[in-house]
Amino acid sequence: MIDINGLIYSKLKEIGLPVMPEIFLSATTNLPVITYLEYSNRDYIVGDTMEYSELIQMIKVWSTDLGELMSNAILIDAKMRPLGFKRDFGSPLFSDGIGQYILRYKATGFNKIEGVI
């Protein structure tokens, strides 16, 4: 398993909006805000000294303004691509005056295994 949540958090924080894991989002959260959620972190090749994992992150920007959603989605994309993530889904969604731009990213992670046994 590869833990990249700290790296994702620090890169998204550079955008200048509050950032939090999506599990902590509530009805009282101030908008705009960026949330992230590890969607998948599964091994698909494991050897004696290394592993490759499929990493999927779902990132959302929340706002009441469509223009703000779009401009921040572009900034999120600019932060994720240099980390090796490719966007495979992006779509806005509005309900009851609150909007979210949902972005899903995939990457292949590599981890060197040292002294497990």
PDB file of N, CA and C in Angstrom:
ATOM      1  N   MET A   1       0.849  -1.185   0.000  1.00  0.00           N
ATOM      2  CA  MET A   1       0.000   0.000   0.000  1.00  0.00           C
ATOM      3  C   MET A   1       0.888   1.241   0.000  1.00  0.00           C
ATOM      4  N   ILE A   2       0.486   2.195  -0.777  1.00  0.00           N
ATOM      5  CA  ILE A   2       1.250   3.421  -0.912  1.00  0.00           C
ATOM      6  C   ILE A   2       0.429   4.570  -0.343  1.00  0.00           C
ATOM      7  N   ASP A   3       0.984   5.289   0.631  1.00  0.00           N
ATOM      8  CA  ASP A   3       0.277   6.406   1.251  1.00  0.00           C
ATOM      9  C   ASP A   3       0.692   7.712   0.576  1.00  0.00           C
ATOM     10  N   ILE A   4      -0.223   8.298  -0.190  1.00  0.00           N
ATOM     11  CA  ILE A   4       0.070   9.557  -0.881  1.00  0.00           C
ATOM     12  C   ILE A   4      -0.842  10.688  -0.411  1.00  0.00           C
ATOM     13  N   ASN A   5      -1.648  10.432   0.587  1.00  0.00           N
ATOM     14  CA  ASN A   5      -2.610  11.445   1.020  1.00  0.00           C
ATOM     15  C   ASN A   5      -1.946  12.729   1.511  1.00  0.00           C
ATOM     16  N   GLY A   6      -0.829  12.619   2.200  1.00  0.00           N
ATOM     17  CA  GLY A   6      -0.119  13.811   2.652  1.00  0.00           C
ATOM     18  C   GLY A   6       0.384  14.652   1.488  1.00  0.00           C
ATOM     19  N   LEU A   7       0.881  13.987   0.454  1.00  0.00           N
ATOM     20  CA  LEU A   7       1.356  14.687  -0.739  1.00  0.00           C
ATOM     21  C   LEU A   7       0.198  15.362  -1.467  1.00  0.00           C
ATOM     22  N   ILE A   8      -0.919  14.651  -1.607  1.00  0.00           N
ATOM     23  CA  ILE A   8      -2.107  15.223  -2.256  1.00  0.00           C
ATOM     24  C   ILE A   8      -2.569  16.463  -1.481  1.00  0.00           C
ATOM     25  N   TYR A   9      -2.650  16.337  -0.166  1.00  0.00           N
ATOM     26  CA  TYR A   9      -3.080  17.455   0.674  1.00  0.00           C
ATOM     27  C   TYR A   9      -2.172  18.673   0.472  1.00  0.00           C
ATOM     28  N   SER A  10      -0.860  18.463   0.534  1.00  0.00           N
ATOM     29  CA  SER A  10       0.056  19.608   0.439  1.00  0.00           C
ATOM     30  C   SER A  10      -0.003  20.269  -0.934  1.00  0.00           C
ATOM     31  N   LYS A  11      -0.155  19.502  -1.997  1.00  0.00           N
ATOM     32  CA  LYS A  11      -0.250  20.092  -3.336  1.00  0.00           C
ATOM     33  C   LYS A  11      -1.554  20.868  -3.512  1.00  0.00           C
ATOM     34  N   LEU A  12      -2.665  20.315  -3.035  1.00  0.00           N
ATOM     35  CA  LEU A  12      -3.946  21.010  -3.152  1.00  0.00           C
ATOM     36  C   LEU A  12      -3.965  22.275  -2.296  1.00  0.00           C
ATOM     37  N   LYS A  13      -3.304  22.249  -1.162  1.00  0.00           N
ATOM     38  CA  LYS A  13      -3.245  23.410  -0.264  1.00  0.00           C
ATOM     39  C   LYS A  13      -2.592  24.609  -0.959  1.00  0.00           C
ATOM     40  N   GLU A  14      -1.695  24.339  -1.915  1.00  0.00           N
ATOM     41  CA  GLU A  14      -1.020  25.412  -2.650  1.00  0.00           C
ATOM     42  C   GLU A  14      -1.998  26.268  -3.469  1.00  0.00           C
ATOM     43  N   ILE A  15      -3.177  25.752  -3.732  1.00  0.00           N
ATOM     44  CA  ILE A  15      -4.176  26.494  -4.509  1.00  0.00           C
ATOM     45  C   ILE A  15      -4.697  27.690  -3.714  1.00  0.00           C
ATOM     46  N   GLY A  16      -4.704  27.581  -2.400  1.00  0.00           N
ATOM     47  CA  GLY A  16      -5.122  28.709  -1.567  1.00  0.00           C
ATOM     48  C   GLY A  16      -6.506  28.572  -0.958  1.00  0.00           C
ATOM     49  N   LEU A  17      -7.191  27.489  -1.225  1.00  0.00           N
ATOM     50  CA  LEU A  17      -8.490  27.227  -0.598  1.00  0.00           C
ATOM     51  C   LEU A  17      -8.312  26.254   0.558  1.00  0.00           C
ATOM     52  N   PRO A  18      -9.264  26.223   1.498  1.00  0.00           N
ATOM     53  CA  PRO A  18      -9.214  25.185   2.527  1.00  0.00           C
ATOM     54  C   PRO A  18      -9.300  23.803   1.877  1.00  0.00           C
ATOM     55  N   VAL A  19      -8.571  22.840   2.436  1.00  0.00           N
ATOM     56  CA  VAL A  19      -8.536  21.474   1.908  1.00  0.00           C
ATOM     57  C   VAL A  19      -8.802  20.521   3.062  1.00  0.00           C
ATOM     58  N   MET A  20      -9.637  19.513   2.818  1.00  0.00           N
ATOM     59  CA  MET A  20      -9.928  18.533   3.864  1.00  0.00           C
ATOM     60  C   MET A  20     -10.310  17.192   3.246  1.00  0.00           C
ATOM     61  N   PRO A  21     -10.102  16.098   3.986  1.00  0.00           N
ATOM     62  CA  PRO A  21     -10.625  14.816   3.527  1.00  0.00           C
ATOM     63  C   PRO A  21     -12.155  14.911   3.427  1.00  0.00           C
ATOM     64  N   GLU A  22     -12.710  14.306   2.410  1.00  0.00           N
ATOM     65  CA  GLU A  22     -14.153  14.422   2.202  1.00  0.00           C
ATOM     66  C   GLU A  22     -14.972  13.876   3.367  1.00  0.00           C
ATOM     67  N   ILE A  23     -14.426  12.931   4.094  1.00  0.00           N
ATOM     68  CA  ILE A  23     -15.178  12.337   5.210  1.00  0.00           C
ATOM     69  C   ILE A  23     -15.460  13.354   6.324  1.00  0.00           C
ATOM     70  N   PHE A  24     -14.750  14.484   6.326  1.00  0.00           N
ATOM     71  CA  PHE A  24     -14.972  15.510   7.354  1.00  0.00           C
ATOM     72  C   PHE A  24     -15.872  16.649   6.876  1.00  0.00           C
ATOM     73  N   LEU A  25     -16.338  16.596   5.641  1.00  0.00           N
ATOM     74  CA  LEU A  25     -17.226  17.627   5.105  1.00  0.00           C
ATOM     75  C   LEU A  25     -18.573  17.564   5.831  1.00  0.00           C
ATOM     76  N   SER A  26     -19.122  18.730   6.158  1.00  0.00           N
ATOM     77  CA  SER A  26     -20.427  18.762   6.820  1.00  0.00           C
ATOM     78  C   SER A  26     -21.251  19.916   6.272  1.00  0.00           C
ATOM     79  N   ALA A  27     -22.474  19.993   6.704  1.00  0.00           N
ATOM     80  CA  ALA A  27     -23.378  21.057   6.255  1.00  0.00           C
ATOM     81  C   ALA A  27     -22.901  22.433   6.724  1.00  0.00           C
ATOM     82  N   THR A  28     -22.037  22.478   7.722  1.00  0.00           N
ATOM     83  CA  THR A  28     -21.548  23.757   8.240  1.00  0.00           C
ATOM     84  C   THR A  28     -20.181  24.153   7.670  1.00  0.00           C
ATOM     85  N   THR A  29     -19.635  23.350   6.761  1.00  0.00           N
ATOM     86  CA  THR A  29     -18.342  23.667   6.158  1.00  0.00           C
ATOM     87  C   THR A  29     -18.460  24.930   5.308  1.00  0.00           C
ATOM     88  N   ASN A  30     -17.551  25.870   5.505  1.00  0.00           N
ATOM     89  CA  ASN A  30     -17.532  27.095   4.707  1.00  0.00           C
ATOM     90  C   ASN A  30     -17.051  26.803   3.293  1.00  0.00           C
ATOM     91  N   LEU A  31     -17.731  27.436   2.327  1.00  0.00           N
ATOM     92  CA  LEU A  31     -17.367  27.260   0.922  1.00  0.00           C
ATOM     93  C   LEU A  31     -16.698  28.525   0.415  1.00  0.00           C
ATOM     94  N   PRO A  32     -15.801  28.443  -0.555  1.00  0.00           N
ATOM     95  CA  PRO A  32     -15.388  27.245  -1.284  1.00  0.00           C
ATOM     96  C   PRO A  32     -14.403  26.405  -0.475  1.00  0.00           C
ATOM     97  N   VAL A  33     -14.347  25.125  -0.826  1.00  0.00           N
ATOM     98  CA  VAL A  33     -13.450  24.181  -0.170  1.00  0.00           C
ATOM     99  C   VAL A  33     -13.103  23.078  -1.169  1.00  0.00           C
ATOM    100  N   ILE A  34     -11.939  22.479  -0.981  1.00  0.00           N
ATOM    101  CA  ILE A  34     -11.526  21.328  -1.786  1.00  0.00           C
ATOM    102  C   ILE A  34     -11.514  20.110  -0.875  1.00  0.00           C
ATOM    103  N   THR A  35     -12.119  19.024  -1.341  1.00  0.00           N
ATOM    104  CA  THR A  35     -12.081  17.772  -0.594  1.00  0.00           C
ATOM    105  C   THR A  35     -11.388  16.706  -1.444  1.00  0.00           C
ATOM    106  N   TYR A  36     -10.831  15.717  -0.756  1.00  0.00           N
ATOM    107  CA  TYR A  36     -10.191  14.606  -1.465  1.00  0.00           C
ATOM    108  C   TYR A  36     -10.541  13.299  -0.773  1.00  0.00           C
ATOM    109  N   LEU A  37     -10.539  12.234  -1.549  1.00  0.00           N
ATOM    110  CA  LEU A  37     -10.883  10.907  -1.045  1.00  0.00           C
ATOM    111  C   LEU A  37     -10.102   9.874  -1.830  1.00  0.00           C
ATOM    112  N   GLU A  38      -9.402   9.012  -1.109  1.00  0.00           N
ATOM    113  CA  GLU A  38      -8.710   7.910  -1.774  1.00  0.00           C
ATOM    114  C   GLU A  38      -9.762   6.896  -2.202  1.00  0.00           C
ATOM    115  N   TYR A  39      -9.924   6.758  -3.489  1.00  0.00           N
ATOM    116  CA  TYR A  39     -10.970   5.914  -4.065  1.00  0.00           C
ATOM    117  C   TYR A  39     -10.494   4.476  -4.217  1.00  0.00           C
ATOM    118  N   SER A  40      -9.200   4.308  -4.533  1.00  0.00           N
ATOM    119  CA  SER A  40      -8.624   2.973  -4.673  1.00  0.00           C
ATOM    120  C   SER A  40      -7.123   3.042  -4.449  1.00  0.00           C
ATOM    121  N   ASN A  41      -6.594   1.998  -3.838  1.00  0.00           N
ATOM    122  CA  ASN A  41      -5.159   1.872  -3.605  1.00  0.00           C
ATOM    123  C   ASN A  41      -4.883   0.370  -3.563  1.00  0.00           C
ATOM    124  N   ARG A  42      -4.887  -0.240  -4.742  1.00  0.00           N
ATOM    125  CA  ARG A  42      -4.780  -1.694  -4.772  1.00  0.00           C
ATOM    126  C   ARG A  42      -3.493  -2.131  -5.463  1.00  0.00           C
ATOM    127  N   ASP A  43      -2.887  -3.165  -4.891  1.00  0.00           N
ATOM    128  CA  ASP A  43      -1.706  -3.759  -5.504  1.00  0.00           C
ATOM    129  C   ASP A  43      -2.117  -4.500  -6.765  1.00  0.00           C
ATOM    130  N   TYR A  44      -1.307  -4.384  -7.812  1.00  0.00           N
ATOM    131  CA  TYR A  44      -1.557  -5.252  -8.952  1.00  0.00           C
ATOM    132  C   TYR A  44      -0.323  -6.006  -9.398  1.00  0.00           C
ATOM    133  N   ILE A  45       0.854  -5.625  -8.939  1.00  0.00           N
ATOM    134  CA  ILE A  45       2.058  -6.434  -9.111  1.00  0.00           C
ATOM    135  C   ILE A  45       2.842  -6.326  -7.813  1.00  0.00           C
ATOM    136  N   VAL A  46       3.119  -7.472  -7.192  1.00  0.00           N
ATOM    137  CA  VAL A  46       3.879  -7.493  -5.954  1.00  0.00           C
ATOM    138  C   VAL A  46       4.990  -8.515  -6.095  1.00  0.00           C
ATOM    139  N   GLY A  47       6.206  -8.077  -5.838  1.00  0.00           N
ATOM    140  CA  GLY A  47       7.359  -8.967  -5.873  1.00  0.00           C
ATOM    141  C   GLY A  47       8.023  -9.016  -4.510  1.00  0.00           C
ATOM    142  N   ASP A  48       9.202  -9.601  -4.459  1.00  0.00           N
ATOM    143  CA  ASP A  48       9.930  -9.706  -3.195  1.00  0.00           C
ATOM    144  C   ASP A  48      10.424  -8.353  -2.698  1.00  0.00           C
ATOM    145  N   THR A  49      10.752  -7.469  -3.621  1.00  0.00           N
ATOM    146  CA  THR A  49      11.354  -6.197  -3.222  1.00  0.00           C
ATOM    147  C   THR A  49      10.617  -4.968  -3.740  1.00  0.00           C
ATOM    148  N   MET A  50       9.509  -5.147  -4.462  1.00  0.00           N
ATOM    149  CA  MET A  50       8.786  -3.990  -4.995  1.00  0.00           C
ATOM    150  C   MET A  50       7.316  -4.314  -5.204  1.00  0.00           C
ATOM    151  N   GLU A  51       6.527  -3.259  -5.305  1.00  0.00           N
ATOM    152  CA  GLU A  51       5.108  -3.415  -5.615  1.00  0.00           C
ATOM    153  C   GLU A  51       4.660  -2.244  -6.485  1.00  0.00           C
ATOM    154  N   TYR A  52       3.702  -2.517  -7.345  1.00  0.00           N
ATOM    155  CA  TYR A  52       3.057  -1.481  -8.141  1.00  0.00           C
ATOM    156  C   TYR A  52       1.597  -1.454  -7.726  1.00  0.00           C
ATOM    157  N   SER A  53       1.074  -0.255  -7.582  1.00  0.00           N
ATOM    158  CA  SER A  53      -0.308  -0.098  -7.141  1.00  0.00           C
ATOM    159  C   SER A  53      -1.068   0.828  -8.071  1.00  0.00           C
ATOM    160  N   GLU A  54      -2.357   0.537  -8.222  1.00  0.00           N
ATOM    161  CA  GLU A  54      -3.262   1.445  -8.924  1.00  0.00           C
ATOM    162  C   GLU A  54      -3.786   2.423  -7.887  1.00  0.00           C
ATOM    163  N   LEU A  55      -3.565   3.707  -8.129  1.00  0.00           N
ATOM    164  CA  LEU A  55      -3.998   4.752  -7.207  1.00  0.00           C
ATOM    165  C   LEU A  55      -5.087   5.571  -7.873  1.00  0.00           C
ATOM    166  N   ILE A  56      -6.212   5.710  -7.207  1.00  0.00           N
ATOM    167  CA  ILE A  56      -7.300   6.532  -7.722  1.00  0.00           C
ATOM    168  C   ILE A  56      -7.702   7.514  -6.625  1.00  0.00           C
ATOM    169  N   GLN A  57      -7.705   8.791  -6.975  1.00  0.00           N
ATOM    170  CA  GLN A  57      -8.109   9.851  -6.058  1.00  0.00           C
ATOM    171  C   GLN A  57      -9.325  10.576  -6.625  1.00  0.00           C
ATOM    172  N   MET A  58     -10.310  10.812  -5.791  1.00  0.00           N
ATOM    173  CA  MET A  58     -11.447  11.634  -6.179  1.00  0.00           C
ATOM    174  C   MET A  58     -11.303  12.965  -5.449  1.00  0.00           C
ATOM    175  N   ILE A  59     -11.265  14.029  -6.223  1.00  0.00           N
ATOM    176  CA  ILE A  59     -11.101  15.368  -5.672  1.00  0.00           C
ATOM    177  C   ILE A  59     -12.296  16.203  -6.105  1.00  0.00           C
ATOM    178  N   LYS A  60     -12.841  16.944  -5.157  1.00  0.00           N
ATOM    179  CA  LYS A  60     -13.992  17.793  -5.463  1.00  0.00           C
ATOM    180  C   LYS A  60     -13.705  19.210  -4.981  1.00  0.00           C
ATOM    181  N   VAL A  61     -14.139  20.161  -5.769  1.00  0.00           N
ATOM    182  CA  VAL A  61     -14.147  21.538  -5.307  1.00  0.00           C
ATOM    183  C   VAL A  61     -15.611  21.918  -5.120  1.00  0.00           C
ATOM    184  N   TRP A  62     -15.924  22.540  -4.007  1.00  0.00           N
ATOM    185  CA  TRP A  62     -17.294  22.894  -3.631  1.00  0.00           C
ATOM    186  C   TRP A  62     -17.424  24.410  -3.614  1.00  0.00           C
ATOM    187  N   SER A  63     -18.530  24.917  -4.179  1.00  0.00           N
ATOM    188  CA  SER A  63     -18.771  26.360  -4.200  1.00  0.00           C
ATOM    189  C   SER A  63     -20.229  26.605  -4.568  1.00  0.00           C
ATOM    190  N   THR A  64     -20.664  27.825  -4.395  1.00  0.00           N
ATOM    191  CA  THR A  64     -21.999  28.221  -4.847  1.00  0.00           C
ATOM    192  C   THR A  64     -21.929  28.933  -6.191  1.00  0.00           C
ATOM    193  N   ASP A  65     -20.722  29.063  -6.746  1.00  0.00           N
ATOM    194  CA  ASP A  65     -20.503  29.807  -7.986  1.00  0.00           C
ATOM    195  C   ASP A  65     -19.884  28.894  -9.055  1.00  0.00           C
ATOM    196  N   LEU A  66     -20.573  28.752 -10.199  1.00  0.00           N
ATOM    197  CA  LEU A  66     -20.100  27.859 -11.256  1.00  0.00           C
ATOM    198  C   LEU A  66     -18.735  28.291 -11.804  1.00  0.00           C
ATOM    199  N   GLY A  67     -18.529  29.569 -11.987  1.00  0.00           N
ATOM    200  CA  GLY A  67     -17.249  30.060 -12.484  1.00  0.00           C
ATOM    201  C   GLY A  67     -16.100  29.708 -11.548  1.00  0.00           C
ATOM    202  N   GLU A  68     -16.359  29.817 -10.265  1.00  0.00           N
ATOM    203  CA  GLU A  68     -15.354  29.472  -9.262  1.00  0.00           C
ATOM    204  C   GLU A  68     -15.050  27.971  -9.299  1.00  0.00           C
ATOM    205  N   LEU A  69     -16.087  27.162  -9.522  1.00  0.00           N
ATOM    206  CA  LEU A  69     -15.869  25.713  -9.653  1.00  0.00           C
ATOM    207  C   LEU A  69     -14.929  25.409 -10.810  1.00  0.00           C
ATOM    208  N   MET A  70     -15.214  26.012 -11.959  1.00  0.00           N
ATOM    209  CA  MET A  70     -14.427  25.730 -13.160  1.00  0.00           C
ATOM    210  C   MET A  70     -12.984  26.204 -13.019  1.00  0.00           C
ATOM    211  N   SER A  71     -12.786  27.416 -12.511  1.00  0.00           N
ATOM    212  CA  SER A  71     -11.420  27.936 -12.404  1.00  0.00           C
ATOM    213  C   SER A  71     -10.597  27.122 -11.402  1.00  0.00           C
ATOM    214  N   ASN A  72     -11.211  26.693 -10.313  1.00  0.00           N
ATOM    215  CA  ASN A  72     -10.484  25.888  -9.336  1.00  0.00           C
ATOM    216  C   ASN A  72     -10.257  24.460  -9.827  1.00  0.00           C
ATOM    217  N   ALA A  73     -11.172  23.919 -10.625  1.00  0.00           N
ATOM    218  CA  ALA A  73     -10.954  22.596 -11.212  1.00  0.00           C
ATOM    219  C   ALA A  73      -9.712  22.610 -12.108  1.00  0.00           C
ATOM    220  N   ILE A  74      -9.515  23.688 -12.834  1.00  0.00           N
ATOM    221  CA  ILE A  74      -8.328  23.826 -13.690  1.00  0.00           C
ATOM    222  C   ILE A  74      -7.062  23.879 -12.832  1.00  0.00           C
ATOM    223  N   LEU A  75      -7.112  24.586 -11.712  1.00  0.00           N
ATOM    224  CA  LEU A  75      -5.961  24.660 -10.816  1.00  0.00           C
ATOM    225  C   LEU A  75      -5.652  23.298 -10.189  1.00  0.00           C
ATOM    226  N   ILE A  76      -6.685  22.558  -9.830  1.00  0.00           N
ATOM    227  CA  ILE A  76      -6.496  21.210  -9.279  1.00  0.00           C
ATOM    228  C   ILE A  76      -5.797  20.326 -10.312  1.00  0.00           C
ATOM    229  N   ASP A  77      -6.269  20.392 -11.546  1.00  0.00           N
ATOM    230  CA  ASP A  77      -5.673  19.600 -12.619  1.00  0.00           C
ATOM    231  C   ASP A  77      -4.183  19.923 -12.771  1.00  0.00           C
ATOM    232  N   ALA A  78      -3.842  21.197 -12.668  1.00  0.00           N
ATOM    233  CA  ALA A  78      -2.446  21.612 -12.804  1.00  0.00           C
ATOM    234  C   ALA A  78      -1.572  21.086 -11.660  1.00  0.00           C
ATOM    235  N   LYS A  79      -2.153  20.824 -10.509  1.00  0.00           N
ATOM    236  CA  LYS A  79      -1.400  20.273  -9.376  1.00  0.00           C
ATOM    237  C   LYS A  79      -1.277  18.752  -9.458  1.00  0.00           C
ATOM    238  N   MET A  80      -2.277  18.079 -10.006  1.00  0.00           N
ATOM    239  CA  MET A  80      -2.284  16.611 -10.027  1.00  0.00           C
ATOM    240  C   MET A  80      -1.415  16.013 -11.133  1.00  0.00           C
ATOM    241  N   ARG A  81      -1.391  16.635 -12.285  1.00  0.00           N
ATOM    242  CA  ARG A  81      -0.642  16.078 -13.420  1.00  0.00           C
ATOM    243  C   ARG A  81       0.852  15.907 -13.142  1.00  0.00           C
ATOM    244  N   PRO A  82       1.537  16.892 -12.552  1.00  0.00           N
ATOM    245  CA  PRO A  82       2.961  16.687 -12.269  1.00  0.00           C
ATOM    246  C   PRO A  82       3.243  15.553 -11.272  1.00  0.00           C
ATOM    247  N   LEU A  83       2.228  15.149 -10.512  1.00  0.00           N
ATOM    248  CA  LEU A  83       2.379  14.029  -9.582  1.00  0.00           C
ATOM    249  C   LEU A  83       2.221  12.679 -10.283  1.00  0.00           C
ATOM    250  N   GLY A  84       1.942  12.704 -11.586  1.00  0.00           N
ATOM    251  CA  GLY A  84       1.785  11.465 -12.345  1.00  0.00           C
ATOM    252  C   GLY A  84       0.351  11.004 -12.487  1.00  0.00           C
ATOM    253  N   PHE A  85      -0.608  11.818 -12.053  1.00  0.00           N
ATOM    254  CA  PHE A  85      -2.013  11.453 -12.153  1.00  0.00           C
ATOM    255  C   PHE A  85      -2.598  11.909 -13.477  1.00  0.00           C
ATOM    256  N   LYS A  86      -3.455  11.074 -14.037  1.00  0.00           N
ATOM    257  CA  LYS A  86      -4.200  11.416 -15.248  1.00  0.00           C
ATOM    258  C   LYS A  86      -5.675  11.511 -14.887  1.00  0.00           C
ATOM    259  N   ARG A  87      -6.298  12.589 -15.316  1.00  0.00           N
ATOM    260  CA  ARG A  87      -7.727  12.760 -15.045  1.00  0.00           C
ATOM    261  C   ARG A  87      -8.513  11.832 -15.950  1.00  0.00           C
ATOM    262  N   ASP A  88      -9.389  11.019 -15.358  1.00  0.00           N
ATOM    263  CA  ASP A  88     -10.226  10.152 -16.197  1.00  0.00           C
ATOM    264  C   ASP A  88     -11.710  10.475 -16.067  1.00  0.00           C
ATOM    265  N   PHE A  89     -12.032  11.494 -15.264  1.00  0.00           N
ATOM    266  CA  PHE A  89     -13.430  11.922 -15.146  1.00  0.00           C
ATOM    267  C   PHE A  89     -13.464  13.329 -14.581  1.00  0.00           C
ATOM    268  N   GLY A  90     -14.358  14.134 -15.081  1.00  0.00           N
ATOM    269  CA  GLY A  90     -14.584  15.466 -14.543  1.00  0.00           C
ATOM    270  C   GLY A  90     -15.987  15.924 -14.904  1.00  0.00           C
ATOM    271  N   SER A  91     -16.749  16.392 -13.908  1.00  0.00           N
ATOM    272  CA  SER A  91     -18.112  16.818 -14.176  1.00  0.00           C
ATOM    273  C   SER A  91     -18.632  17.716 -13.052  1.00  0.00           C
ATOM    274  N   PRO A  92     -19.341  18.788 -13.419  1.00  0.00           N
ATOM    275  CA  PRO A  92     -19.973  19.617 -12.382  1.00  0.00           C
ATOM    276  C   PRO A  92     -21.312  19.020 -11.971  1.00  0.00           C
ATOM    277  N   LEU A  93     -21.706  19.311 -10.742  1.00  0.00           N
ATOM    278  CA  LEU A  93     -22.986  18.846 -10.220  1.00  0.00           C
ATOM    279  C   LEU A  93     -23.506  19.920  -9.267  1.00  0.00           C
ATOM    280  N   PHE A  94     -24.755  20.346  -9.475  1.00  0.00           N
ATOM    281  CA  PHE A  94     -25.387  21.343  -8.602  1.00  0.00           C
ATOM    282  C   PHE A  94     -26.635  20.753  -7.969  1.00  0.00           C
ATOM    283  N   SER A  95     -26.835  21.062  -6.688  1.00  0.00           N
ATOM    284  CA  SER A  95     -28.037  20.650  -5.985  1.00  0.00           C
ATOM    285  C   SER A  95     -28.297  21.640  -4.859  1.00  0.00           C
ATOM    286  N   ASP A  96     -29.502  22.166  -4.795  1.00  0.00           N
ATOM    287  CA  ASP A  96     -29.908  23.106  -3.738  1.00  0.00           C
ATOM    288  C   ASP A  96     -28.960  24.288  -3.602  1.00  0.00           C
ATOM    289  N   GLY A  97     -28.451  24.794  -4.724  1.00  0.00           N
ATOM    290  CA  GLY A  97     -27.594  25.973  -4.714  1.00  0.00           C
ATOM    291  C   GLY A  97     -26.138  25.722  -4.377  1.00  0.00           C
ATOM    292  N   ILE A  98     -25.781  24.481  -4.101  1.00  0.00           N
ATOM    293  CA  ILE A  98     -24.387  24.139  -3.802  1.00  0.00           C
ATOM    294  C   ILE A  98     -23.839  23.308  -4.957  1.00  0.00           C
ATOM    295  N   GLY A  99     -22.710  23.742  -5.463  1.00  0.00           N
ATOM    296  CA  GLY A  99     -22.103  23.039  -6.584  1.00  0.00           C
ATOM    297  C   GLY A  99     -20.838  22.327  -6.174  1.00  0.00           C
ATOM    298  N   GLN A 100     -20.562  21.280  -6.914  1.00  0.00           N
ATOM    299  CA  GLN A 100     -19.297  20.580  -6.756  1.00  0.00           C
ATOM    300  C   GLN A 100     -18.784  20.218  -8.138  1.00  0.00           C
ATOM    301  N   TYR A 101     -17.498  20.339  -8.336  1.00  0.00           N
ATOM    302  CA  TYR A 101     -16.880  19.848  -9.556  1.00  0.00           C
ATOM    303  C   TYR A 101     -16.105  18.615  -9.138  1.00  0.00           C
ATOM    304  N   ILE A 102     -16.520  17.473  -9.678  1.00  0.00           N
ATOM    305  CA  ILE A 102     -15.964  16.182  -9.293  1.00  0.00           C
ATOM    306  C   ILE A 102     -14.872  15.811 -10.287  1.00  0.00           C
ATOM    307  N   LEU A 103     -13.698  15.501  -9.768  1.00  0.00           N
ATOM    308  CA  LEU A 103     -12.560  15.098 -10.588  1.00  0.00           C
ATOM    309  C   LEU A 103     -12.032  13.766 -10.068  1.00  0.00           C
ATOM    310  N   ARG A 104     -11.810  12.817 -10.975  1.00  0.00           N
ATOM    311  CA  ARG A 104     -11.233  11.533 -10.581  1.00  0.00           C
ATOM    312  C   ARG A 104      -9.926  11.351 -11.343  1.00  0.00           C
ATOM    313  N   TYR A 105      -8.881  10.981 -10.607  1.00  0.00           N
ATOM    314  CA  TYR A 105      -7.543  10.819 -11.169  1.00  0.00           C
ATOM    315  C   TYR A 105      -7.016   9.416 -10.913  1.00  0.00           C
ATOM    316  N   LYS A 106      -6.242   8.918 -11.889  1.00  0.00           N
ATOM    317  CA  LYS A 106      -5.603   7.605 -11.753  1.00  0.00           C
ATOM    318  C   LYS A 106      -4.101   7.746 -11.954  1.00  0.00           C
ATOM    319  N   ALA A 107      -3.361   6.899 -11.240  1.00  0.00           N
ATOM    320  CA  ALA A 107      -1.907   6.851 -11.403  1.00  0.00           C
ATOM    321  C   ALA A 107      -1.419   5.460 -11.030  1.00  0.00           C
ATOM    322  N   THR A 108      -0.228   5.146 -11.460  1.00  0.00           N
ATOM    323  CA  THR A 108       0.443   3.922 -11.045  1.00  0.00           C
ATOM    324  C   THR A 108       1.512   4.307 -10.046  1.00  0.00           C
ATOM    325  N   GLY A 109       1.459   3.696  -8.879  1.00  0.00           N
ATOM    326  CA  GLY A 109       2.441   3.977  -7.839  1.00  0.00           C
ATOM    327  C   GLY A 109       3.430   2.838  -7.722  1.00  0.00           C
ATOM    328  N   PHE A 110       4.641   3.161  -7.348  1.00  0.00           N
ATOM    329  CA  PHE A 110       5.711   2.192  -7.159  1.00  0.00           C
ATOM    330  C   PHE A 110       6.214   2.308  -5.737  1.00  0.00           C
ATOM    331  N   ASN A 111       6.441   1.182  -5.099  1.00  0.00           N
ATOM    332  CA  ASN A 111       6.928   1.174  -3.733  1.00  0.00           C
ATOM    333  C   ASN A 111       7.993   0.100  -3.595  1.00  0.00           C
ATOM    334  N   LYS A 112       9.130   0.479  -3.044  1.00  0.00           N
ATOM    335  CA  LYS A 112      10.185  -0.475  -2.766  1.00  0.00           C
ATOM    336  C   LYS A 112       9.937  -1.088  -1.401  1.00  0.00           C
ATOM    337  N   ILE A 113       9.938  -2.408  -1.327  1.00  0.00           N
ATOM    338  CA  ILE A 113       9.671  -3.122  -0.076  1.00  0.00           C
ATOM    339  C   ILE A 113      11.007  -3.492   0.548  1.00  0.00           C
ATOM    340  N   GLU A 114      11.193  -3.084   1.791  1.00  0.00           N
ATOM    341  CA  GLU A 114      12.451  -3.380   2.473  1.00  0.00           C
ATOM    342  C   GLU A 114      12.181  -4.099   3.789  1.00  0.00           C
ATOM    343  N   GLY A 115      12.786  -5.246   3.958  1.00  0.00           N
ATOM    344  CA  GLY A 115      12.786  -5.957   5.223  1.00  0.00           C
ATOM    345  C   GLY A 115      11.437  -6.225   5.828  1.00  0.00           C
ATOM    346  N   VAL A 116      10.501  -6.723   5.032  1.00  0.00           N
ATOM    347  CA  VAL A 116       9.164  -7.008   5.548  1.00  0.00           C
ATOM    348  C   VAL A 116       9.210  -8.180   6.522  1.00  0.00           C
ATOM    349  N   ILE A 117       9.989  -9.177   6.211  1.00  0.00           N
ATOM    350  CA  ILE A 117      10.058 -10.387   7.064  1.00  0.00           C
ATOM    351  C   ILE A 117      11.316 -10.369   7.907  1.00  0.00           C
TER     352      ILE A 117
END
